[in-house]
Amino acid sequence: MMLHEEVPTRESPLPKLLEKTVAGLWFLRNELAEYMDDGGLSKLSGYIDDVWKRAVVLHNQARPFMPSFRFRQDEDDLTVVHLLVLLPGPHFNQGTLVGEVRMNTAVVDGQLVLSPAQESGAHALARQHRWKASEEELQALDELISSATRLKRLARSFPVNIAFTDHGIEIGANYHDPAAPVRAALRSI
């Protein structure tokens, strides 16, 4: 090898992907087709379609819009790419963030491969509502959520309500004792 000989290097396709902004679901699907397998792409497309439908109702007064999508990567975790779903803004490079999808990255035979990230319910809620929680707290939240959903499924004599807000999780079990009004009436005599 000579001293000034150029060595061919493979450039990572990830920076090219991170520079892109894609407008429309069809174009996004075509863009991701080269990075994902058919099963992962179908699952991701269904999830993005659900995010888009919720955004139409919540953020755009039920008027449909063509979403745009932007890719972003965390400085902390370089193996994760975020796909941001944006509501169009007043200018072509502005928009309102209405949803986010996390995808894992891997390089297989020099080809970038994306797959939907698997995360627990508590991790997704913490990310969505921007909760600051430790790993132990998230694990306990997962157990709490699974217990509350099991209680909701099993409860016959009282309703169970589960709500997730920016301030935390609210679980309400409105148990109603049918004999309570009779006891209260007898005590007042």
Protein backbone atom coordinates (compact mmCIF):
# COMPACT_ATOMS: atom_id res chain seq x y z
CA MET A 1 0.00 0.00 0.00
CA MET A 2 1.34 3.39 -0.94
CA LEU A 3 1.42 6.22 1.52
CA HIS A 4 -1.03 8.46 -0.34
CA GLU A 5 -3.29 5.75 -1.68
CA GLU A 6 -6.95 6.32 -0.90
CA VAL A 7 -8.69 3.54 0.94
CA PRO A 8 -12.34 3.10 -0.02
CA THR A 9 -14.59 3.41 3.00
CA ARG A 10 -18.27 2.75 3.33
CA GLU A 11 -20.22 5.75 4.42
CA SER A 12 -22.98 5.05 6.90
CA PRO A 13 -26.49 5.58 5.48
CA LEU A 14 -27.72 6.91 8.85
CA PRO A 15 -26.61 10.55 8.37
CA LYS A 16 -28.41 10.59 5.01
CA LEU A 17 -31.58 9.34 6.70
CA LEU A 18 -31.30 11.88 9.53
CA GLU A 19 -31.16 14.75 7.03
CA LYS A 20 -34.44 13.79 5.40
CA THR A 21 -37.91 15.20 5.90
CA VAL A 22 -40.59 13.13 4.18
CA ALA A 23 -44.08 14.44 3.39
CA GLY A 24 -46.93 11.95 3.24
CA LEU A 25 -47.52 8.40 4.47
CA TRP A 26 -46.98 6.82 1.06
CA PHE A 27 -43.59 8.49 0.60
CA LEU A 28 -42.56 7.50 4.14
CA ARG A 29 -43.48 3.89 3.47
CA ASN A 30 -41.39 3.93 0.27
CA GLU A 31 -38.48 5.58 2.10
CA LEU A 32 -38.49 3.02 4.92
CA ALA A 33 -38.93 0.02 2.58
CA GLU A 34 -35.19 -0.18 1.95
CA TYR A 35 -34.42 -0.14 5.70
CA MET A 36 -37.10 -2.49 7.07
CA ASP A 37 -38.57 -5.91 6.41
CA ASP A 38 -42.21 -6.21 5.31
CA GLY A 39 -43.56 -7.31 8.71
CA GLY A 40 -41.88 -4.48 10.60
CA LEU A 41 -42.88 -1.97 7.93
CA SER A 42 -46.54 -3.03 8.07
CA LYS A 43 -46.55 -2.85 11.88
CA LEU A 44 -44.88 0.57 11.83
CA SER A 45 -47.22 1.87 9.10
CA GLY A 46 -50.27 0.80 11.12
CA TYR A 47 -48.94 2.51 14.23
CA ILE A 48 -48.09 5.71 12.34
CA ASP A 49 -51.55 5.67 10.76
CA ASP A 50 -53.08 5.49 14.27
CA VAL A 51 -50.87 8.37 15.46
CA TRP A 52 -51.93 10.39 12.41
CA LYS A 53 -55.65 9.72 13.01
CA ARG A 54 -55.36 10.79 16.68
CA ALA A 55 -53.46 13.92 15.61
CA VAL A 56 -56.20 14.82 13.12
CA VAL A 57 -58.79 14.70 15.89
CA LEU A 58 -56.76 16.23 18.73
CA HIS A 59 -54.65 18.85 16.99
CA ASN A 60 -56.34 19.76 13.73
CA GLN A 61 -60.07 20.01 14.58
CA ALA A 62 -60.73 16.77 12.62
CA ARG A 63 -59.51 18.34 9.35
CA PRO A 64 -57.22 15.90 7.55
CA PHE A 65 -53.71 17.00 6.71
CA MET A 66 -50.70 15.49 5.02
CA PRO A 67 -48.20 14.79 7.79
CA SER A 68 -44.50 15.23 7.41
CA PHE A 69 -41.94 13.02 9.05
CA ARG A 70 -38.48 13.86 10.30
CA PHE A 71 -35.80 11.54 11.64
CA ARG A 72 -33.82 12.36 14.78
CA GLN A 73 -31.20 10.55 16.83
CA ASP A 74 -30.42 10.93 20.54
CA GLU A 75 -26.92 11.85 21.63
CA ASP A 76 -27.31 9.46 24.58
CA ASP A 77 -28.40 6.36 22.66
CA LEU A 78 -26.99 6.12 19.14
CA THR A 79 -28.76 2.81 18.45
CA VAL A 80 -32.20 4.47 18.48
CA VAL A 81 -33.71 6.65 15.76
CA HIS A 82 -36.84 8.68 16.46
CA LEU A 83 -39.37 9.19 13.69
CA LEU A 84 -41.20 12.45 14.43
CA VAL A 85 -44.75 12.90 13.08
CA LEU A 86 -45.33 16.58 12.35
CA LEU A 87 -48.46 18.63 11.73
CA PRO A 88 -47.64 21.16 8.99
CA GLY A 89 -46.85 24.67 10.20
CA PRO A 90 -47.06 28.09 8.55
CA HIS A 91 -43.66 27.64 6.91
CA PHE A 92 -42.26 24.62 5.03
CA ASN A 93 -39.65 23.86 7.69
CA GLN A 94 -41.94 24.38 10.70
CA GLY A 95 -44.40 22.00 12.23
CA THR A 96 -46.03 20.84 15.44
CA LEU A 97 -44.86 17.53 16.88
CA VAL A 98 -47.91 15.27 17.25
CA GLY A 99 -46.30 11.87 17.64
CA GLU A 100 -43.05 9.98 17.86
CA VAL A 101 -41.98 6.44 17.02
CA ARG A 102 -38.77 4.87 18.31
CA MET A 103 -36.84 2.52 16.05
CA ASN A 104 -33.75 0.44 16.76
CA THR A 105 -30.89 0.60 14.27
CA ALA A 106 -28.47 -2.11 13.24
CA VAL A 107 -26.01 -2.49 10.39
CA VAL A 108 -26.19 -5.87 8.66
CA ASP A 109 -23.71 -6.49 5.82
CA GLY A 110 -23.13 -2.75 5.49
CA GLN A 111 -26.86 -2.08 5.14
CA LEU A 112 -28.76 -0.05 7.74
CA VAL A 113 -31.71 -1.99 9.17
CA LEU A 114 -34.48 -0.35 11.22
CA SER A 115 -36.91 -2.18 13.47
CA PRO A 116 -39.67 -0.86 15.76
CA ALA A 117 -38.32 -0.55 19.29
CA GLN A 118 -39.89 -2.82 21.86
CA GLU A 119 -40.57 -0.95 25.07
CA SER A 120 -42.74 -1.60 28.07
CA GLY A 121 -45.90 0.34 28.77
CA ALA A 122 -44.26 2.36 31.54
CA HIS A 123 -41.28 3.26 29.34
CA ALA A 124 -43.59 4.45 26.56
CA LEU A 125 -45.71 6.47 29.01
CA ALA A 126 -42.63 8.01 30.63
CA ARG A 127 -41.33 9.06 27.23
CA GLN A 128 -44.72 10.30 26.02
CA HIS A 129 -45.54 12.34 29.15
CA ARG A 130 -41.90 13.31 29.86
CA TRP A 131 -41.86 11.72 33.30
CA LYS A 132 -38.51 11.56 35.09
CA ALA A 133 -38.34 8.07 36.58
CA SER A 134 -35.65 5.56 37.50
CA GLU A 135 -35.55 2.04 36.08
CA GLU A 136 -36.91 0.62 39.37
CA GLU A 137 -39.81 3.08 39.31
CA LEU A 138 -40.62 2.14 35.71
CA GLN A 139 -40.56 -1.55 36.61
CA ALA A 140 -42.92 -0.89 39.55
CA LEU A 141 -45.17 1.15 37.24
CA ASP A 142 -45.31 -1.78 34.81
CA GLU A 143 -46.42 -4.05 37.66
CA LEU A 144 -48.98 -1.47 38.82
CA ILE A 145 -50.40 -1.04 35.31
CA SER A 146 -50.66 -4.80 34.77
CA SER A 147 -52.38 -5.23 38.17
CA ALA A 148 -54.79 -2.36 37.47
CA THR A 149 -55.70 -3.71 34.02
CA ARG A 150 -56.21 -7.18 35.52
CA LEU A 151 -58.47 -5.65 38.21
CA LYS A 152 -60.39 -3.76 35.54
CA ARG A 153 -60.88 -6.97 33.57
CA LEU A 154 -62.01 -8.98 36.63
CA ALA A 155 -64.16 -6.37 38.43
CA ARG A 156 -67.87 -7.13 38.21
CA SER A 157 -69.44 -5.10 41.04
CA PHE A 158 -67.54 -1.83 40.61
CA PRO A 159 -65.94 0.13 37.76
CA VAL A 160 -62.20 0.62 37.59
CA ASN A 161 -60.86 3.68 35.80
CA ILE A 162 -57.24 4.02 34.71
CA ALA A 163 -55.98 7.39 33.43
CA PHE A 164 -52.50 8.45 32.34
CA THR A 165 -51.74 12.17 32.62
CA ASP A 166 -48.67 14.37 32.49
CA HIS A 167 -48.68 14.29 36.31
CA GLY A 168 -48.85 10.52 36.72
CA ILE A 169 -51.22 7.57 36.75
CA GLU A 170 -54.66 7.76 38.30
CA ILE A 171 -56.40 4.53 39.23
CA GLY A 172 -59.90 4.76 40.62
CA ALA A 173 -61.89 1.81 41.87
CA ASN A 174 -65.37 3.04 42.66
CA TYR A 175 -66.55 0.21 44.85
CA HIS A 176 -70.17 0.67 45.82
CA ASP A 177 -71.56 -1.31 48.75
CA PRO A 178 -75.29 -1.86 48.12
CA ALA A 179 -75.97 -2.07 51.87
CA ALA A 180 -74.28 1.28 52.68
CA PRO A 181 -77.40 3.48 52.15
CA VAL A 182 -79.45 1.17 54.38
CA ARG A 183 -76.81 1.28 57.13
CA ALA A 184 -76.59 5.07 56.88
CA ALA A 185 -80.38 5.38 57.17
CA LEU A 186 -80.47 3.06 60.22
CA ARG A 187 -77.66 5.01 61.93
CA SER A 188 -79.51 8.29 61.53
CA ILE A 189 -82.56 6.99 63.42
